[in-house]
Amino acid sequence: MRYTITLLLLATGLTTLAADARHSLPIFFIPNAGEADPTIRYIAQTPGMTVGFTPDSAIFRIQGTQLRVDFAGASPNTAMAGTAEMPARANFLIGDDLAAWHTGVPTYGGVVYRGLYPGIDMQYTGSESQLKSEFLVEPGSNPSQIRLEYPADGQVSIDAHGDLVVHVATAELREQAPVAYQEWGGVRHTVRAGYRVVRGNTVAFDLGDYDRTLPLVIDPVISYSTYLGGTAMSAVTALTADASGNLYAAGWTEAIDFPVSNAIQAVNRGGVDVFVFKLNAAGNTLLYATYIGGRGDDRAAGIAVDSSGQIFLAGSTASADFRWRRPSARRSAARVTRSR
């Protein structure tokens, strides 16, 4: 049997995110609220990949292929924290147990690893498809401690431009040649930097001379990933706009790593799940994002918005565990009718 659903979601209390100079959407770093393995503390998503951050690694999922980068020899006492908190909030409305739903999950512009190595912090930030890692080396600390260990079954190479290229199965991950610098007298001074394979698939930084009494920044950029395999099916099936020009979109996806406007979508509960999101009129700020689905086939078919900003989402589900009840009026309301 199938269920026809009509949903009313209130997108209130959401404020505009600051857009970057290129008017692109930011990458959101979201605490793992139970949507992924508990060893993963934060999750981020670009149009090409999903990344999970653990205290001693970063796990990249590129179109179904997993690529793990271990911070070899990292301190067991590393402290992780989100940085640059954003006004947007993420909601995970998955399954029939409302107690397991997570709403109002904070989003951040980055995540920092404090004390990853003695005297060395690292942070991840990014926008659009670019994810940037930055190592912050305190005066007197030794950057040769930094070791990036890639999968043993992968192929690691350094190309003619100094980029680090890692192939694993059908995925390719590329990190631009690193930039290193120090600042004094209000001026940034470049330090020669490159990658060096020290053994197997373990990579370190090869640095030129620098002043060890001053802080050092090493700044590689994960510039892009490519798909060498196929992609799961996804579709935007409904669009609308409000009087202010904000865009609302809904659809369905089979992919567990489908990039919904850079919003995190950590779990596909069934073979096909619904997505719905809201963008500002300029198209550069994500105001609202929700992932909805049970264990069966869930699809959005239509979307509308009224003058007060309330979103009406219509669709269908074959999920036996897709059950709704009426929560408080400030969060959402729903009406479910069943047809045979």
C-alpha atoms as a PDB file:
ATOM      1  CA  MET A   1       0.000   0.000   0.000  1.00  0.00           C
ATOM      2  CA  ARG A   2       1.047   3.607  -0.478  1.00  0.00           C
ATOM      3  CA  TYR A   3       0.536   6.741   1.589  1.00  0.00           C
ATOM      4  CA  THR A   4      -0.237  10.183   0.228  1.00  0.00           C
ATOM      5  CA  ILE A   5       1.138  12.879   2.517  1.00  0.00           C
ATOM      6  CA  THR A   6       0.667  16.606   2.909  1.00  0.00           C
ATOM      7  CA  LEU A   7       3.307  18.331   5.047  1.00  0.00           C
ATOM      8  CA  LEU A   8       3.467  21.825   6.477  1.00  0.00           C
ATOM      9  CA  LEU A   9       6.938  22.887   7.612  1.00  0.00           C
ATOM     10  CA  LEU A  10       7.520  26.222   9.289  1.00  0.00           C
ATOM     11  CA  ALA A  11      10.813  27.755   8.208  1.00  0.00           C
ATOM     12  CA  THR A  12      10.813  30.426  10.895  1.00  0.00           C
ATOM     13  CA  GLY A  13      13.674  31.879  12.878  1.00  0.00           C
ATOM     14  CA  LEU A  14      16.190  31.407  10.096  1.00  0.00           C
ATOM     15  CA  THR A  15      18.480  34.283   9.195  1.00  0.00           C
ATOM     16  CA  THR A  16      20.640  34.955   6.204  1.00  0.00           C
ATOM     17  CA  LEU A  17      24.119  33.494   5.992  1.00  0.00           C
ATOM     18  CA  ALA A  18      26.972  35.734   4.977  1.00  0.00           C
ATOM     19  CA  ALA A  19      27.930  35.076   1.384  1.00  0.00           C
ATOM     20  CA  ASP A  20      31.526  34.984   0.296  1.00  0.00           C
ATOM     21  CA  ALA A  21      33.023  37.299  -2.271  1.00  0.00           C
ATOM     22  CA  ARG A  22      32.139  34.942  -5.136  1.00  0.00           C
ATOM     23  CA  HIS A  23      28.479  34.759  -4.031  1.00  0.00           C
ATOM     24  CA  SER A  24      28.697  31.008  -3.512  1.00  0.00           C
ATOM     25  CA  LEU A  25      27.167  28.877  -0.816  1.00  0.00           C
ATOM     26  CA  PRO A  26      29.431  27.934   2.077  1.00  0.00           C
ATOM     27  CA  ILE A  27      30.340  24.433   3.105  1.00  0.00           C
ATOM     28  CA  PHE A  28      28.535  23.591   6.338  1.00  0.00           C
ATOM     29  CA  PHE A  29      30.331  21.619   9.032  1.00  0.00           C
ATOM     30  CA  ILE A  30      27.669  19.918  11.161  1.00  0.00           C
ATOM     31  CA  PRO A  31      28.111  17.970  14.409  1.00  0.00           C
ATOM     32  CA  ASN A  32      27.185  14.307  14.096  1.00  0.00           C
ATOM     33  CA  ALA A  33      23.843  14.094  15.903  1.00  0.00           C
ATOM     34  CA  GLY A  34      23.512  10.338  15.383  1.00  0.00           C
ATOM     35  CA  GLU A  35      23.261  10.238  11.580  1.00  0.00           C
ATOM     36  CA  ALA A  36      26.706   8.656  11.127  1.00  0.00           C
ATOM     37  CA  ASP A  37      29.185   6.380  12.894  1.00  0.00           C
ATOM     38  CA  PRO A  38      29.780   7.740  16.434  1.00  0.00           C
ATOM     39  CA  THR A  39      33.529   8.001  15.823  1.00  0.00           C
ATOM     40  CA  ILE A  40      32.733  10.814  13.374  1.00  0.00           C
ATOM     41  CA  ARG A  41      32.438  14.127  15.222  1.00  0.00           C
ATOM     42  CA  TYR A  42      31.616  16.483  12.334  1.00  0.00           C
ATOM     43  CA  ILE A  43      30.381  16.078   8.766  1.00  0.00           C
ATOM     44  CA  ALA A  44      30.754  18.370   5.749  1.00  0.00           C
ATOM     45  CA  GLN A  45      29.542  18.111   2.182  1.00  0.00           C
ATOM     46  CA  THR A  46      30.646  19.650  -1.090  1.00  0.00           C
ATOM     47  CA  PRO A  47      28.975  19.115  -4.475  1.00  0.00           C
ATOM     48  CA  GLY A  48      31.407  16.269  -5.096  1.00  0.00           C
ATOM     49  CA  MET A  49      31.923  14.527  -1.788  1.00  0.00           C
ATOM     50  CA  THR A  50      30.924  14.012   1.824  1.00  0.00           C
ATOM     51  CA  VAL A  51      33.599  14.230   4.527  1.00  0.00           C
ATOM     52  CA  GLY A  52      33.498  12.832   8.057  1.00  0.00           C
ATOM     53  CA  PHE A  53      35.976  14.147  10.621  1.00  0.00           C
ATOM     54  CA  THR A  54      37.214  11.920  13.460  1.00  0.00           C
ATOM     55  CA  PRO A  55      39.860  12.883  16.048  1.00  0.00           C
ATOM     56  CA  ASP A  56      42.615  11.186  14.036  1.00  0.00           C
ATOM     57  CA  SER A  57      41.365  11.137  10.440  1.00  0.00           C
ATOM     58  CA  ALA A  58      39.261  12.652   7.675  1.00  0.00           C
ATOM     59  CA  ILE A  59      37.049  10.217   5.756  1.00  0.00           C
ATOM     60  CA  PHE A  60      36.101  11.242   2.225  1.00  0.00           C
ATOM     61  CA  ARG A  61      33.182   9.545   0.444  1.00  0.00           C
ATOM     62  CA  ILE A  62      33.227  10.222  -3.272  1.00  0.00           C
ATOM     63  CA  GLN A  63      30.312   8.682  -5.159  1.00  0.00           C
ATOM     64  CA  GLY A  64      30.253   5.547  -3.033  1.00  0.00           C
ATOM     65  CA  THR A  65      34.030   5.191  -2.730  1.00  0.00           C
ATOM     66  CA  GLN A  66      35.561   5.787   0.697  1.00  0.00           C
ATOM     67  CA  LEU A  67      39.003   7.325   1.071  1.00  0.00           C
ATOM     68  CA  ARG A  68      40.427   7.730   4.569  1.00  0.00           C
ATOM     69  CA  VAL A  69      43.302  10.049   5.448  1.00  0.00           C
ATOM     70  CA  ASP A  70      44.847   9.209   8.827  1.00  0.00           C
ATOM     71  CA  PHE A  71      46.851  11.762  10.794  1.00  0.00           C
ATOM     72  CA  ALA A  72      49.613   9.328  11.632  1.00  0.00           C
ATOM     73  CA  GLY A  73      51.134   9.792  15.073  1.00  0.00           C
ATOM     74  CA  ALA A  74      48.516  12.347  16.114  1.00  0.00           C
ATOM     75  CA  SER A  75      47.988  13.069  19.800  1.00  0.00           C
ATOM     76  CA  PRO A  76      45.284  10.955  21.499  1.00  0.00           C
ATOM     77  CA  ASN A  77      44.265  14.114  23.376  1.00  0.00           C
ATOM     78  CA  THR A  78      43.289  16.110  20.291  1.00  0.00           C
ATOM     79  CA  ALA A  79      40.279  18.370  20.979  1.00  0.00           C
ATOM     80  CA  MET A  80      37.832  19.066  18.137  1.00  0.00           C
ATOM     81  CA  ALA A  81      35.441  22.014  17.936  1.00  0.00           C
ATOM     82  CA  GLY A  82      33.297  23.796  15.370  1.00  0.00           C
ATOM     83  CA  THR A  83      34.423  27.302  14.424  1.00  0.00           C
ATOM     84  CA  ALA A  84      32.596  30.331  12.955  1.00  0.00           C
ATOM     85  CA  GLU A  85      29.059  29.237  13.934  1.00  0.00           C
ATOM     86  CA  MET A  86      26.506  30.050  11.231  1.00  0.00           C
ATOM     87  CA  PRO A  87      22.889  31.157  11.684  1.00  0.00           C
ATOM     88  CA  ALA A  88      21.536  28.219   9.646  1.00  0.00           C
ATOM     89  CA  ARG A  89      20.295  25.074  11.408  1.00  0.00           C
ATOM     90  CA  ALA A  90      20.030  21.540  10.017  1.00  0.00           C
ATOM     91  CA  ASN A  91      17.087  19.187  10.605  1.00  0.00           C
ATOM     92  CA  PHE A  92      17.078  15.390  10.299  1.00  0.00           C
ATOM     93  CA  LEU A  93      13.515  14.038  10.175  1.00  0.00           C
ATOM     94  CA  ILE A  94      14.173  10.362   9.535  1.00  0.00           C
ATOM     95  CA  GLY A  95      11.916   7.409  10.326  1.00  0.00           C
ATOM     96  CA  ASP A  96       8.787   7.128  12.469  1.00  0.00           C
ATOM     97  CA  ASP A  97      10.339   7.736  15.900  1.00  0.00           C
ATOM     98  CA  LEU A  98      10.023  11.457  16.601  1.00  0.00           C
ATOM     99  CA  ALA A  99      12.328  11.065  19.597  1.00  0.00           C
ATOM    100  CA  ALA A 100      15.085  10.138  17.135  1.00  0.00           C
ATOM    101  CA  TRP A 101      14.526  13.226  14.985  1.00  0.00           C
ATOM    102  CA  HIS A 102      17.175  15.926  15.310  1.00  0.00           C
ATOM    103  CA  THR A 103      16.159  19.528  14.706  1.00  0.00           C
ATOM    104  CA  GLY A 104      17.992  22.797  15.159  1.00  0.00           C
ATOM    105  CA  VAL A 105      21.432  21.167  14.785  1.00  0.00           C
ATOM    106  CA  PRO A 106      24.042  23.974  14.640  1.00  0.00           C
ATOM    107  CA  THR A 107      26.199  24.535  11.584  1.00  0.00           C
ATOM    108  CA  TYR A 108      29.749  25.873  11.451  1.00  0.00           C
ATOM    109  CA  GLY A 109      32.081  27.377   8.883  1.00  0.00           C
ATOM    110  CA  GLY A 110      34.902  25.059   9.900  1.00  0.00           C
ATOM    111  CA  VAL A 111      36.245  22.566  12.386  1.00  0.00           C
ATOM    112  CA  VAL A 112      39.504  22.852  14.345  1.00  0.00           C
ATOM    113  CA  TYR A 113      41.781  20.123  15.735  1.00  0.00           C
ATOM    114  CA  ARG A 114      43.554  21.606  18.763  1.00  0.00           C
ATOM    115  CA  GLY A 115      46.805  19.905  19.686  1.00  0.00           C
ATOM    116  CA  LEU A 116      46.732  17.478  16.751  1.00  0.00           C
ATOM    117  CA  TYR A 117      50.501  17.266  17.166  1.00  0.00           C
ATOM    118  CA  PRO A 118      52.581  18.918  19.897  1.00  0.00           C
ATOM    119  CA  GLY A 119      52.456  22.645  19.157  1.00  0.00           C
ATOM    120  CA  ILE A 120      50.416  22.125  15.974  1.00  0.00           C
ATOM    121  CA  ASP A 121      46.696  22.781  15.385  1.00  0.00           C
ATOM    122  CA  MET A 122      44.813  22.041  12.181  1.00  0.00           C
ATOM    123  CA  GLN A 123      41.553  23.418  10.862  1.00  0.00           C
ATOM    124  CA  TYR A 124      39.278  22.635   7.924  1.00  0.00           C
ATOM    125  CA  THR A 125      37.262  25.356   6.198  1.00  0.00           C
ATOM    126  CA  GLY A 126      35.861  25.768   2.705  1.00  0.00           C
ATOM    127  CA  SER A 127      33.306  27.063   0.226  1.00  0.00           C
ATOM    128  CA  GLU A 128      31.731  25.693  -2.940  1.00  0.00           C
ATOM    129  CA  SER A 129      33.673  22.563  -3.971  1.00  0.00           C
ATOM    130  CA  GLN A 130      36.901  23.565  -2.241  1.00  0.00           C
ATOM    131  CA  LEU A 131      37.820  22.137   1.133  1.00  0.00           C
ATOM    132  CA  LYS A 132      40.875  23.658   2.772  1.00  0.00           C
ATOM    133  CA  SER A 133      43.008  22.235   5.556  1.00  0.00           C
ATOM    134  CA  GLU A 134      45.352  24.587   7.377  1.00  0.00           C
ATOM    135  CA  PHE A 135      48.126  23.583   9.765  1.00  0.00           C
ATOM    136  CA  LEU A 136      49.062  26.190  12.376  1.00  0.00           C
ATOM    137  CA  VAL A 137      52.572  25.568  13.707  1.00  0.00           C
ATOM    138  CA  GLU A 138      53.533  27.368  16.911  1.00  0.00           C
ATOM    139  CA  PRO A 139      57.030  28.898  17.300  1.00  0.00           C
ATOM    140  CA  GLY A 140      59.606  26.218  18.094  1.00  0.00           C
ATOM    141  CA  SER A 141      57.346  23.309  17.078  1.00  0.00           C
ATOM    142  CA  ASN A 142      58.405  20.766  14.480  1.00  0.00           C
ATOM    143  CA  PRO A 143      56.215  20.524  11.320  1.00  0.00           C
ATOM    144  CA  SER A 144      57.930  17.259  10.341  1.00  0.00           C
ATOM    145  CA  GLN A 145      55.605  15.607  12.877  1.00  0.00           C
ATOM    146  CA  ILE A 146      52.758  15.995  10.379  1.00  0.00           C
ATOM    147  CA  ARG A 147      52.102  12.719   8.548  1.00  0.00           C
ATOM    148  CA  LEU A 148      49.163  12.145   6.204  1.00  0.00           C
ATOM    149  CA  GLU A 149      48.576   8.439   5.657  1.00  0.00           C
ATOM    150  CA  TYR A 150      46.456   7.454   2.648  1.00  0.00           C
ATOM    151  CA  PRO A 151      44.849   4.019   2.013  1.00  0.00           C
ATOM    152  CA  ALA A 152      47.272   1.176   1.343  1.00  0.00           C
ATOM    153  CA  ASP A 153      45.270   0.111  -1.722  1.00  0.00           C
ATOM    154  CA  GLY A 154      45.447   3.590  -3.246  1.00  0.00           C
ATOM    155  CA  GLN A 155      47.927   5.160  -5.617  1.00  0.00           C
ATOM    156  CA  VAL A 156      49.660   8.302  -4.341  1.00  0.00           C
ATOM    157  CA  SER A 157      51.648  10.564  -6.645  1.00  0.00           C
ATOM    158  CA  ILE A 158      52.841  14.159  -6.969  1.00  0.00           C
ATOM    159  CA  ASP A 159      52.221  15.670 -10.398  1.00  0.00           C
ATOM    160  CA  ALA A 160      54.270  18.195 -12.361  1.00  0.00           C
ATOM    161  CA  HIS A 161      52.441  21.095 -10.684  1.00  0.00           C
ATOM    162  CA  GLY A 162      53.253  19.806  -7.198  1.00  0.00           C
ATOM    163  CA  ASP A 163      49.659  18.631  -6.568  1.00  0.00           C
ATOM    164  CA  LEU A 164      49.104  15.497  -4.528  1.00  0.00           C
ATOM    165  CA  VAL A 165      46.933  13.013  -6.451  1.00  0.00           C
ATOM    166  CA  VAL A 166      45.352  10.001  -4.737  1.00  0.00           C
ATOM    167  CA  HIS A 167      43.481   7.300  -6.667  1.00  0.00           C
ATOM    168  CA  VAL A 168      41.343   4.774  -4.798  1.00  0.00           C
ATOM    169  CA  ALA A 169      38.981   2.491  -6.744  1.00  0.00           C
ATOM    170  CA  THR A 170      36.848   4.776  -8.974  1.00  0.00           C
ATOM    171  CA  ALA A 171      37.612   8.017  -7.146  1.00  0.00           C
ATOM    172  CA  GLU A 172      40.340  10.611  -7.430  1.00  0.00           C
ATOM    173  CA  LEU A 173      41.211  13.118  -4.734  1.00  0.00           C
ATOM    174  CA  ARG A 174      43.527  15.987  -5.574  1.00  0.00           C
ATOM    175  CA  GLU A 175      45.187  18.374  -3.141  1.00  0.00           C
ATOM    176  CA  GLN A 176      46.811  21.477  -4.548  1.00  0.00           C
ATOM    177  CA  ALA A 177      50.484  22.125  -3.925  1.00  0.00           C
ATOM    178  CA  PRO A 178      50.657  23.576  -0.409  1.00  0.00           C
ATOM    179  CA  VAL A 179      51.326  27.214   0.365  1.00  0.00           C
ATOM    180  CA  ALA A 180      53.300  28.051   3.519  1.00  0.00           C
ATOM    181  CA  TYR A 181      53.930  31.460   5.001  1.00  0.00           C
ATOM    182  CA  GLN A 182      54.855  33.520   8.050  1.00  0.00           C
ATOM    183  CA  GLU A 183      53.835  37.034   8.957  1.00  0.00           C
ATOM    184  CA  TRP A 184      55.881  39.781  10.535  1.00  0.00           C
ATOM    185  CA  GLY A 185      55.760  43.530  10.285  1.00  0.00           C
ATOM    186  CA  GLY A 186      52.262  43.237   8.860  1.00  0.00           C
ATOM    187  CA  VAL A 187      53.628  41.463   5.757  1.00  0.00           C
ATOM    188  CA  ARG A 188      53.084  37.839   4.699  1.00  0.00           C
ATOM    189  CA  HIS A 189      56.334  36.103   3.715  1.00  0.00           C
ATOM    190  CA  THR A 190      56.132  32.949   1.605  1.00  0.00           C
ATOM    191  CA  VAL A 191      58.007  29.810   2.666  1.00  0.00           C
ATOM    192  CA  ARG A 192      58.848  27.209   0.021  1.00  0.00           C
ATOM    193  CA  ALA A 193      56.591  24.178   0.489  1.00  0.00           C
ATOM    194  CA  GLY A 194      55.792  20.924  -1.258  1.00  0.00           C
ATOM    195  CA  TYR A 195      54.686  17.368  -0.637  1.00  0.00           C
ATOM    196  CA  ARG A 196      57.036  14.476   0.005  1.00  0.00           C
ATOM    197  CA  VAL A 197      56.190  10.768   0.086  1.00  0.00           C
ATOM    198  CA  VAL A 198      58.147   9.431   3.047  1.00  0.00           C
ATOM    199  CA  ARG A 199      57.130   5.762   2.886  1.00  0.00           C
ATOM    200  CA  GLY A 200      54.402   3.760   1.237  1.00  0.00           C
ATOM    201  CA  ASN A 201      51.383   6.028   1.002  1.00  0.00           C
ATOM    202  CA  THR A 202      52.417   8.360   3.825  1.00  0.00           C
ATOM    203  CA  VAL A 203      52.967  11.989   2.878  1.00  0.00           C
ATOM    204  CA  ALA A 204      54.777  14.813   4.701  1.00  0.00           C
ATOM    205  CA  PHE A 205      55.519  18.446   3.902  1.00  0.00           C
ATOM    206  CA  ASP A 206      58.863  19.480   2.412  1.00  0.00           C
ATOM    207  CA  LEU A 207      59.611  22.997   3.665  1.00  0.00           C
ATOM    208  CA  GLY A 208      62.297  25.533   2.902  1.00  0.00           C
ATOM    209  CA  ASP A 209      64.065  27.700   5.463  1.00  0.00           C
ATOM    210  CA  TYR A 210      61.881  29.749   7.799  1.00  0.00           C
ATOM    211  CA  ASP A 211      62.098  31.608  11.124  1.00  0.00           C
ATOM    212  CA  ARG A 212      61.390  29.032  13.844  1.00  0.00           C
ATOM    213  CA  THR A 213      60.740  31.779  16.394  1.00  0.00           C
ATOM    214  CA  LEU A 214      57.560  32.791  14.534  1.00  0.00           C
ATOM    215  CA  PRO A 215      54.299  30.944  13.788  1.00  0.00           C
ATOM    216  CA  LEU A 216      54.157  29.027  10.506  1.00  0.00           C
ATOM    217  CA  VAL A 217      51.024  28.340   8.434  1.00  0.00           C
ATOM    218  CA  ILE A 218      50.852  25.444   5.951  1.00  0.00           C
ATOM    219  CA  ASP A 219      47.815  25.771   3.720  1.00  0.00           C
ATOM    220  CA  PRO A 220      46.920  23.013   1.227  1.00  0.00           C
ATOM    221  CA  VAL A 221      43.578  23.050  -0.640  1.00  0.00           C
ATOM    222  CA  ILE A 222      41.542  20.021  -1.669  1.00  0.00           C
ATOM    223  CA  SER A 223      40.579  21.568  -4.974  1.00  0.00           C
ATOM    224  CA  TYR A 224      38.333  18.969  -6.507  1.00  0.00           C
ATOM    225  CA  SER A 225      37.400  15.339  -6.785  1.00  0.00           C
ATOM    226  CA  THR A 226      36.362  13.521  -9.918  1.00  0.00           C
ATOM    227  CA  TYR A 227      33.957  10.680 -10.534  1.00  0.00           C
ATOM    228  CA  LEU A 228      35.257   7.839 -12.645  1.00  0.00           C
ATOM    229  CA  GLY A 229      32.138   5.738 -12.007  1.00  0.00           C
ATOM    230  CA  GLY A 230      28.393   6.250 -12.354  1.00  0.00           C
ATOM    231  CA  THR A 231      26.083   8.361 -10.205  1.00  0.00           C
ATOM    232  CA  ALA A 232      22.890   7.532  -8.335  1.00  0.00           C
ATOM    233  CA  MET A 233      19.580   8.883  -9.625  1.00  0.00           C
ATOM    234  CA  SER A 234      18.276  12.181  -8.236  1.00  0.00           C
ATOM    235  CA  ALA A 235      15.721  14.730  -9.375  1.00  0.00           C
ATOM    236  CA  VAL A 236      14.312  18.123  -8.473  1.00  0.00           C
ATOM    237  CA  THR A 237      10.574  17.665  -8.982  1.00  0.00           C
ATOM    238  CA  ALA A 238       9.099  20.890  -7.616  1.00  0.00           C
ATOM    239  CA  LEU A 239      10.083  24.555  -7.489  1.00  0.00           C
ATOM    240  CA  THR A 240       8.423  27.684  -6.195  1.00  0.00           C
ATOM    241  CA  ALA A 241       9.322  31.184  -5.006  1.00  0.00           C
ATOM    242  CA  ASP A 242       7.873  33.578  -2.456  1.00  0.00           C
ATOM    243  CA  ALA A 243       7.136  37.300  -2.790  1.00  0.00           C
ATOM    244  CA  SER A 244      10.704  38.151  -1.752  1.00  0.00           C
ATOM    245  CA  GLY A 245      12.209  35.967  -4.464  1.00  0.00           C
ATOM    246  CA  ASN A 246      13.430  33.184  -2.158  1.00  0.00           C
ATOM    247  CA  LEU A 247      13.613  29.855  -3.995  1.00  0.00           C
ATOM    248  CA  TYR A 248      12.090  26.642  -2.629  1.00  0.00           C
ATOM    249  CA  ALA A 249      12.890  23.257  -4.162  1.00  0.00           C
ATOM    250  CA  ALA A 250      11.954  19.660  -3.420  1.00  0.00           C
ATOM    251  CA  GLY A 251      12.735  16.323  -5.003  1.00  0.00           C
ATOM    252  CA  TRP A 252      14.025  12.838  -4.379  1.00  0.00           C
ATOM    253  CA  THR A 253      17.363  11.048  -4.443  1.00  0.00           C
ATOM    254  CA  GLU A 254      18.746   7.524  -4.346  1.00  0.00           C
ATOM    255  CA  ALA A 255      22.194   8.745  -3.319  1.00  0.00           C
ATOM    256  CA  ILE A 256      23.325   8.775   0.303  1.00  0.00           C
ATOM    257  CA  ASP A 257      25.815  11.538  -0.535  1.00  0.00           C
ATOM    258  CA  PHE A 258      23.525  13.684  -2.682  1.00  0.00           C
ATOM    259  CA  PRO A 259      24.714  17.319  -2.356  1.00  0.00           C
ATOM    260  CA  VAL A 260      21.568  19.307  -1.551  1.00  0.00           C
ATOM    261  CA  SER A 261      22.867  22.850  -1.935  1.00  0.00           C
ATOM    262  CA  ASN A 262      25.873  21.982   0.243  1.00  0.00           C
ATOM    263  CA  ALA A 263      23.568  20.936   3.086  1.00  0.00           C
ATOM    264  CA  ILE A 264      24.469  17.806   5.026  1.00  0.00           C
ATOM    265  CA  GLN A 265      22.436  14.716   4.160  1.00  0.00           C
ATOM    266  CA  ALA A 266      24.122  11.991   6.137  1.00  0.00           C
ATOM    267  CA  VAL A 267      21.597   9.160   5.914  1.00  0.00           C
ATOM    268  CA  ASN A 268      19.421   7.767   3.163  1.00  0.00           C
ATOM    269  CA  ARG A 269      16.949   5.743   5.198  1.00  0.00           C
ATOM    270  CA  GLY A 270      15.534   3.926   2.178  1.00  0.00           C
ATOM    271  CA  GLY A 271      16.264   3.432  -1.500  1.00  0.00           C
ATOM    272  CA  VAL A 272      14.733   6.818  -2.348  1.00  0.00           C
ATOM    273  CA  ASP A 273      14.276   9.744   0.054  1.00  0.00           C
ATOM    274  CA  VAL A 274      12.885  13.278  -0.172  1.00  0.00           C
ATOM    275  CA  PHE A 275      14.881  16.478   0.055  1.00  0.00           C
ATOM    276  CA  VAL A 276      13.577  20.036   0.427  1.00  0.00           C
ATOM    277  CA  PHE A 277      15.523  23.281   0.693  1.00  0.00           C
ATOM    278  CA  LYS A 278      15.191  27.055   0.567  1.00  0.00           C
ATOM    279  CA  LEU A 279      17.614  29.567  -0.984  1.00  0.00           C
ATOM    280  CA  ASN A 280      17.631  33.323  -0.677  1.00  0.00           C
ATOM    281  CA  ALA A 281      16.727  35.507  -3.669  1.00  0.00           C
ATOM    282  CA  ALA A 282      20.365  35.969  -4.680  1.00  0.00           C
ATOM    283  CA  GLY A 283      20.889  32.222  -4.717  1.00  0.00           C
ATOM    284  CA  ASN A 284      23.945  32.478  -2.482  1.00  0.00           C
ATOM    285  CA  THR A 285      22.558  31.559   0.951  1.00  0.00           C
ATOM    286  CA  LEU A 286      20.952  28.377   2.168  1.00  0.00           C
ATOM    287  CA  LEU A 287      18.153  29.311   4.563  1.00  0.00           C
ATOM    288  CA  TYR A 288      16.496  25.964   5.177  1.00  0.00           C
ATOM    289  CA  ALA A 289      17.260  22.297   4.483  1.00  0.00           C
ATOM    290  CA  THR A 290      15.498  19.113   5.586  1.00  0.00           C
ATOM    291  CA  TYR A 291      15.946  15.466   4.631  1.00  0.00           C
ATOM    292  CA  ILE A 292      12.766  13.373   4.943  1.00  0.00           C
ATOM    293  CA  GLY A 293      12.351   9.625   4.513  1.00  0.00           C
ATOM    294  CA  GLY A 294      11.465   6.218   5.868  1.00  0.00           C
ATOM    295  CA  ARG A 295      12.777   2.817   4.865  1.00  0.00           C
ATOM    296  CA  GLY A 296      10.849   2.672   1.590  1.00  0.00           C
ATOM    297  CA  ASP A 297      10.437   4.858  -1.474  1.00  0.00           C
ATOM    298  CA  ASP A 298       9.692   8.514  -0.594  1.00  0.00           C
ATOM    299  CA  ARG A 299       9.247  11.227  -3.237  1.00  0.00           C
ATOM    300  CA  ALA A 300       8.244  14.869  -3.249  1.00  0.00           C
ATOM    301  CA  ALA A 301       5.897  15.861  -6.061  1.00  0.00           C
ATOM    302  CA  GLY A 302       4.856  19.439  -5.322  1.00  0.00           C
ATOM    303  CA  ILE A 303       5.776  22.408  -3.179  1.00  0.00           C
ATOM    304  CA  ALA A 304       4.069  25.711  -2.333  1.00  0.00           C
ATOM    305  CA  VAL A 305       4.646  28.570   0.080  1.00  0.00           C
ATOM    306  CA  ASP A 306       2.158  31.043   1.553  1.00  0.00           C
ATOM    307  CA  SER A 307       2.555  34.724   2.414  1.00  0.00           C
ATOM    308  CA  SER A 308       3.840  33.950   5.919  1.00  0.00           C
ATOM    309  CA  GLY A 309       6.631  31.728   4.642  1.00  0.00           C
ATOM    310  CA  GLN A 310       5.045  28.390   5.500  1.00  0.00           C
ATOM    311  CA  ILE A 311       6.107  25.594   3.161  1.00  0.00           C
ATOM    312  CA  PHE A 312       3.598  23.023   1.878  1.00  0.00           C
ATOM    313  CA  LEU A 313       5.220  19.854   0.567  1.00  0.00           C
ATOM    314  CA  ALA A 314       3.198  17.115  -1.142  1.00  0.00           C
ATOM    315  CA  GLY A 315       4.369  13.700  -2.215  1.00  0.00           C
ATOM    316  CA  SER A 316       4.089   9.976  -1.674  1.00  0.00           C
ATOM    317  CA  THR A 317       5.758   7.269   0.387  1.00  0.00           C
ATOM    318  CA  ALA A 318       5.890   3.491   0.429  1.00  0.00           C
ATOM    319  CA  SER A 319       7.570   3.507   3.845  1.00  0.00           C
ATOM    320  CA  ALA A 320       5.639   1.562   6.456  1.00  0.00           C
ATOM    321  CA  ASP A 321       7.616   3.412   9.135  1.00  0.00           C
ATOM    322  CA  PHE A 322       6.707   6.855   7.787  1.00  0.00           C
ATOM    323  CA  ARG A 323       4.242   8.002  10.451  1.00  0.00           C
ATOM    324  CA  TRP A 324       3.515  11.579  11.434  1.00  0.00           C
ATOM    325  CA  ARG A 325       1.789  13.199  14.372  1.00  0.00           C
ATOM    326  CA  ARG A 326       1.116  16.870  14.992  1.00  0.00           C
ATOM    327  CA  PRO A 327       3.998  18.462  16.954  1.00  0.00           C
ATOM    328  CA  SER A 328       3.903  21.964  18.390  1.00  0.00           C
ATOM    329  CA  ALA A 329       2.652  24.632  16.024  1.00  0.00           C
ATOM    330  CA  ARG A 330       5.984  26.454  16.021  1.00  0.00           C
ATOM    331  CA  ARG A 331       7.851  23.506  14.548  1.00  0.00           C
ATOM    332  CA  SER A 332       5.692  21.710  12.012  1.00  0.00           C
ATOM    333  CA  ALA A 333       2.298  20.279  11.330  1.00  0.00           C
ATOM    334  CA  ALA A 334       1.355  17.401   9.086  1.00  0.00           C
ATOM    335  CA  ARG A 335      -1.669  15.668   7.723  1.00  0.00           C
ATOM    336  CA  VAL A 336      -1.395  12.125   6.411  1.00  0.00           C
ATOM    337  CA  THR A 337      -4.040  10.385   4.307  1.00  0.00           C
ATOM    338  CA  ARG A 338      -3.730   6.816   3.206  1.00  0.00           C
ATOM    339  CA  SER A 339      -4.857   5.512  -0.146  1.00  0.00           C
ATOM    340  CA  ARG A 340      -4.868   1.989  -1.475  1.00  0.00           C
END
